[in-house]
Amino acid sequence: MSCDTRCIRHLDTSSHQRMNIHFSLNTAGFPVHLLPTVVSAPSVAGWLTGQWYGVSAGVPVSVAMGDLQCSVCAVQPNIGDAVFNIGSASQLSVMKSTNNQFDIKTHSSLMEVPYINHTTLIVAASLTG
């Protein structure tokens, strides 16, 4: 597969923090020009360059998402809908639009993770597994 992108879910959604990480790596002498471009899901990361186990060359390969984001995506929620994911761990997630001003910093038991189409998920996770 030809691919030079990584899903934004692997980085904090704050572009300021991404710039700080980039600056820190650069300051430490890391060759940051080797890092891939970060894109949001769903985006095409590349195309299959050759036939692979019966899959034809040229098939688009989408950016990967985490298991939580995939389980929420399967439900196809609307903004504000809650999704309860039960597996080896459990999470209660609510999809948030980018213009929602909910501040998770005042709630230590919540986290915000990137989701598709420039939205995020507010997540309350259990400590099971």
C-alpha atoms as a PDB file:
ATOM      1  CA  MET A   1       0.000   0.000   0.000  1.00  0.00           C
ATOM      2  CA  SER A   2       1.195   3.489  -0.791  1.00  0.00           C
ATOM      3  CA  CYS A   3       0.559   5.497   2.381  1.00  0.00           C
ATOM      4  CA  ASP A   4       2.044   8.553   4.057  1.00  0.00           C
ATOM      5  CA  THR A   5      -0.842   9.513   6.317  1.00  0.00           C
ATOM      6  CA  ARG A   6      -1.898   8.709   9.854  1.00  0.00           C
ATOM      7  CA  CYS A   7      -5.286   9.163  11.416  1.00  0.00           C
ATOM      8  CA  ILE A   8      -5.666  12.208  13.613  1.00  0.00           C
ATOM      9  CA  ARG A   9      -7.061   9.981  16.386  1.00  0.00           C
ATOM     10  CA  HIS A  10      -3.456   9.138  17.266  1.00  0.00           C
ATOM     11  CA  LEU A  11      -2.784  12.752  18.185  1.00  0.00           C
ATOM     12  CA  ASP A  12      -4.497  15.241  20.431  1.00  0.00           C
ATOM     13  CA  THR A  13      -7.166  17.269  18.620  1.00  0.00           C
ATOM     14  CA  SER A  14      -5.461  20.500  19.644  1.00  0.00           C
ATOM     15  CA  SER A  15      -3.366  21.841  16.763  1.00  0.00           C
ATOM     16  CA  HIS A  16      -1.441  23.845  19.376  1.00  0.00           C
ATOM     17  CA  GLN A  17      -0.379  20.620  21.112  1.00  0.00           C
ATOM     18  CA  ARG A  18       0.526  19.031  17.754  1.00  0.00           C
ATOM     19  CA  MET A  19       2.732  22.043  17.010  1.00  0.00           C
ATOM     20  CA  ASN A  20       4.367  21.716  20.445  1.00  0.00           C
ATOM     21  CA  ILE A  21       5.067  18.012  19.832  1.00  0.00           C
ATOM     22  CA  HIS A  22       6.505  18.863  16.401  1.00  0.00           C
ATOM     23  CA  PHE A  23       8.651  21.634  17.930  1.00  0.00           C
ATOM     24  CA  SER A  24       9.860  19.331  20.741  1.00  0.00           C
ATOM     25  CA  LEU A  25      10.826  16.581  18.311  1.00  0.00           C
ATOM     26  CA  ASN A  26      12.562  19.080  16.051  1.00  0.00           C
ATOM     27  CA  THR A  27      14.447  20.588  19.022  1.00  0.00           C
ATOM     28  CA  ALA A  28      15.546  17.088  20.067  1.00  0.00           C
ATOM     29  CA  GLY A  29      17.030  16.541  16.628  1.00  0.00           C
ATOM     30  CA  PHE A  30      14.339  14.169  15.334  1.00  0.00           C
ATOM     31  CA  PRO A  31      13.983  14.391  11.534  1.00  0.00           C
ATOM     32  CA  VAL A  32      10.378  15.663  11.556  1.00  0.00           C
ATOM     33  CA  HIS A  33      10.337  15.839   7.752  1.00  0.00           C
ATOM     34  CA  LEU A  34      10.043  12.025   7.852  1.00  0.00           C
ATOM     35  CA  LEU A  35       6.737  12.150   9.744  1.00  0.00           C
ATOM     36  CA  PRO A  36       3.568  11.441   7.748  1.00  0.00           C
ATOM     37  CA  THR A  37       0.793  13.909   7.086  1.00  0.00           C
ATOM     38  CA  VAL A  38      -1.977  13.712   9.676  1.00  0.00           C
ATOM     39  CA  VAL A  39      -5.522  13.520   8.287  1.00  0.00           C
ATOM     40  CA  SER A  40      -9.005  13.032   9.708  1.00  0.00           C
ATOM     41  CA  ALA A  41     -11.058   9.883   9.245  1.00  0.00           C
ATOM     42  CA  PRO A  42     -12.733   9.073   6.950  1.00  0.00           C
ATOM     43  CA  SER A  43     -10.052   9.925   4.419  1.00  0.00           C
ATOM     44  CA  VAL A  44      -8.210   7.873   1.838  1.00  0.00           C
ATOM     45  CA  ALA A  45      -4.737   7.096   3.157  1.00  0.00           C
ATOM     46  CA  GLY A  46      -3.497   5.582  -0.085  1.00  0.00           C
ATOM     47  CA  TRP A  47      -4.174   2.991  -2.740  1.00  0.00           C
ATOM     48  CA  LEU A  48      -3.196  -0.641  -2.906  1.00  0.00           C
ATOM     49  CA  THR A  49      -0.175  -0.722  -5.216  1.00  0.00           C
ATOM     50  CA  GLY A  50      -0.445  -4.386  -6.131  1.00  0.00           C
ATOM     51  CA  GLN A  51      -2.837  -7.320  -5.942  1.00  0.00           C
ATOM     52  CA  TRP A  52      -3.089  -8.576  -2.355  1.00  0.00           C
ATOM     53  CA  TYR A  53      -4.867 -11.829  -1.414  1.00  0.00           C
ATOM     54  CA  GLY A  54      -7.463 -11.381  -4.128  1.00  0.00           C
ATOM     55  CA  VAL A  55      -7.917  -7.625  -3.629  1.00  0.00           C
ATOM     56  CA  SER A  56      -7.154  -5.742  -6.846  1.00  0.00           C
ATOM     57  CA  ALA A  57      -4.462  -3.082  -7.127  1.00  0.00           C
ATOM     58  CA  GLY A  58      -5.765   0.472  -7.004  1.00  0.00           C
ATOM     59  CA  VAL A  59      -8.356  -0.126  -4.281  1.00  0.00           C
ATOM     60  CA  PRO A  60      -8.502   2.900  -1.940  1.00  0.00           C
ATOM     61  CA  VAL A  61      -7.376   2.263   1.638  1.00  0.00           C
ATOM     62  CA  SER A  62      -9.058   4.414   4.275  1.00  0.00           C
ATOM     63  CA  VAL A  63      -7.470   5.915   7.363  1.00  0.00           C
ATOM     64  CA  ALA A  64      -7.743   3.615  10.361  1.00  0.00           C
ATOM     65  CA  MET A  65      -9.863   4.394  13.410  1.00  0.00           C
ATOM     66  CA  GLY A  66      -9.740   3.008  16.924  1.00  0.00           C
ATOM     67  CA  ASP A  67     -12.060   0.288  18.155  1.00  0.00           C
ATOM     68  CA  LEU A  68     -14.190   2.747  20.146  1.00  0.00           C
ATOM     69  CA  GLN A  69     -14.679   5.049  17.160  1.00  0.00           C
ATOM     70  CA  CYS A  70     -15.545   2.064  14.939  1.00  0.00           C
ATOM     71  CA  SER A  71     -18.122   0.724  17.391  1.00  0.00           C
ATOM     72  CA  VAL A  72     -19.748   4.157  17.628  1.00  0.00           C
ATOM     73  CA  CYS A  73     -19.652   4.559  13.837  1.00  0.00           C
ATOM     74  CA  ALA A  74     -21.554   1.274  13.400  1.00  0.00           C
ATOM     75  CA  VAL A  75     -24.501   2.788  15.307  1.00  0.00           C
ATOM     76  CA  GLN A  76     -24.504   5.932  13.092  1.00  0.00           C
ATOM     77  CA  PRO A  77     -25.438   8.336  15.906  1.00  0.00           C
ATOM     78  CA  ASN A  78     -26.528  11.943  15.477  1.00  0.00           C
ATOM     79  CA  ILE A  79     -24.928  14.835  17.356  1.00  0.00           C
ATOM     80  CA  GLY A  80     -25.891  14.478  21.019  1.00  0.00           C
ATOM     81  CA  ASP A  81     -26.842  10.779  20.827  1.00  0.00           C
ATOM     82  CA  ALA A  82     -25.290   8.549  23.484  1.00  0.00           C
ATOM     83  CA  VAL A  83     -23.758   5.184  22.585  1.00  0.00           C
ATOM     84  CA  PHE A  84     -22.909   2.556  25.205  1.00  0.00           C
ATOM     85  CA  ASN A  85     -20.119   0.242  24.049  1.00  0.00           C
ATOM     86  CA  ILE A  86     -19.724  -2.999  26.004  1.00  0.00           C
ATOM     87  CA  GLY A  87     -16.706  -5.210  25.376  1.00  0.00           C
ATOM     88  CA  SER A  88     -13.553  -6.038  27.332  1.00  0.00           C
ATOM     89  CA  ALA A  89     -13.958  -2.452  28.533  1.00  0.00           C
ATOM     90  CA  SER A  90     -17.071  -0.292  28.499  1.00  0.00           C
ATOM     91  CA  GLN A  91     -17.515   3.290  27.387  1.00  0.00           C
ATOM     92  CA  LEU A  92     -20.421   5.690  27.238  1.00  0.00           C
ATOM     93  CA  SER A  93     -19.856   8.126  24.366  1.00  0.00           C
ATOM     94  CA  VAL A  94     -21.685  11.195  23.111  1.00  0.00           C
ATOM     95  CA  MET A  95     -20.876  12.703  19.712  1.00  0.00           C
ATOM     96  CA  LYS A  96     -20.092  16.415  19.963  1.00  0.00           C
ATOM     97  CA  SER A  97     -20.034  18.971  17.165  1.00  0.00           C
ATOM     98  CA  THR A  98     -17.035  21.248  16.806  1.00  0.00           C
ATOM     99  CA  ASN A  99     -19.075  24.313  17.810  1.00  0.00           C
ATOM    100  CA  ASN A 100     -20.225  22.772  21.120  1.00  0.00           C
ATOM    101  CA  GLN A 101     -18.624  24.622  24.027  1.00  0.00           C
ATOM    102  CA  PHE A 102     -18.732  21.744  26.559  1.00  0.00           C
ATOM    103  CA  ASP A 103     -15.517  21.922  28.583  1.00  0.00           C
ATOM    104  CA  ILE A 104     -14.290  18.477  29.658  1.00  0.00           C
ATOM    105  CA  LYS A 105     -11.492  19.978  31.756  1.00  0.00           C
ATOM    106  CA  THR A 106     -14.035  20.481  34.543  1.00  0.00           C
ATOM    107  CA  HIS A 107     -14.891  16.746  34.480  1.00  0.00           C
ATOM    108  CA  SER A 108     -11.873  14.585  35.355  1.00  0.00           C
ATOM    109  CA  SER A 109     -13.712  11.339  34.547  1.00  0.00           C
ATOM    110  CA  LEU A 110     -14.307  12.333  30.899  1.00  0.00           C
ATOM    111  CA  MET A 111     -12.051  12.429  27.881  1.00  0.00           C
ATOM    112  CA  GLU A 112     -12.522  13.806  24.383  1.00  0.00           C
ATOM    113  CA  VAL A 113     -11.362  11.765  21.396  1.00  0.00           C
ATOM    114  CA  PRO A 114     -11.325  12.660  17.701  1.00  0.00           C
ATOM    115  CA  TYR A 115     -14.102  11.155  15.602  1.00  0.00           C
ATOM    116  CA  ILE A 116     -15.143  11.352  11.952  1.00  0.00           C
ATOM    117  CA  ASN A 117     -16.062  14.413   9.899  1.00  0.00           C
ATOM    118  CA  HIS A 118     -14.422  16.891  12.294  1.00  0.00           C
ATOM    119  CA  THR A 119     -16.511  15.859  15.306  1.00  0.00           C
ATOM    120  CA  THR A 120     -15.334  14.465  18.635  1.00  0.00           C
ATOM    121  CA  LEU A 121     -16.634  11.989  21.182  1.00  0.00           C
ATOM    122  CA  ILE A 122     -17.005  12.816  24.855  1.00  0.00           C
ATOM    123  CA  VAL A 123     -16.219   9.514  26.573  1.00  0.00           C
ATOM    124  CA  ALA A 124     -16.763   8.168  30.075  1.00  0.00           C
ATOM    125  CA  ALA A 125     -14.812   4.917  30.323  1.00  0.00           C
ATOM    126  CA  SER A 126     -14.991   2.157  32.877  1.00  0.00           C
ATOM    127  CA  LEU A 127     -11.903   0.616  34.459  1.00  0.00           C
ATOM    128  CA  THR A 128     -12.710  -2.969  33.522  1.00  0.00           C
ATOM    129  CA  GLY A 129     -10.946  -5.316  31.205  1.00  0.00           C
END
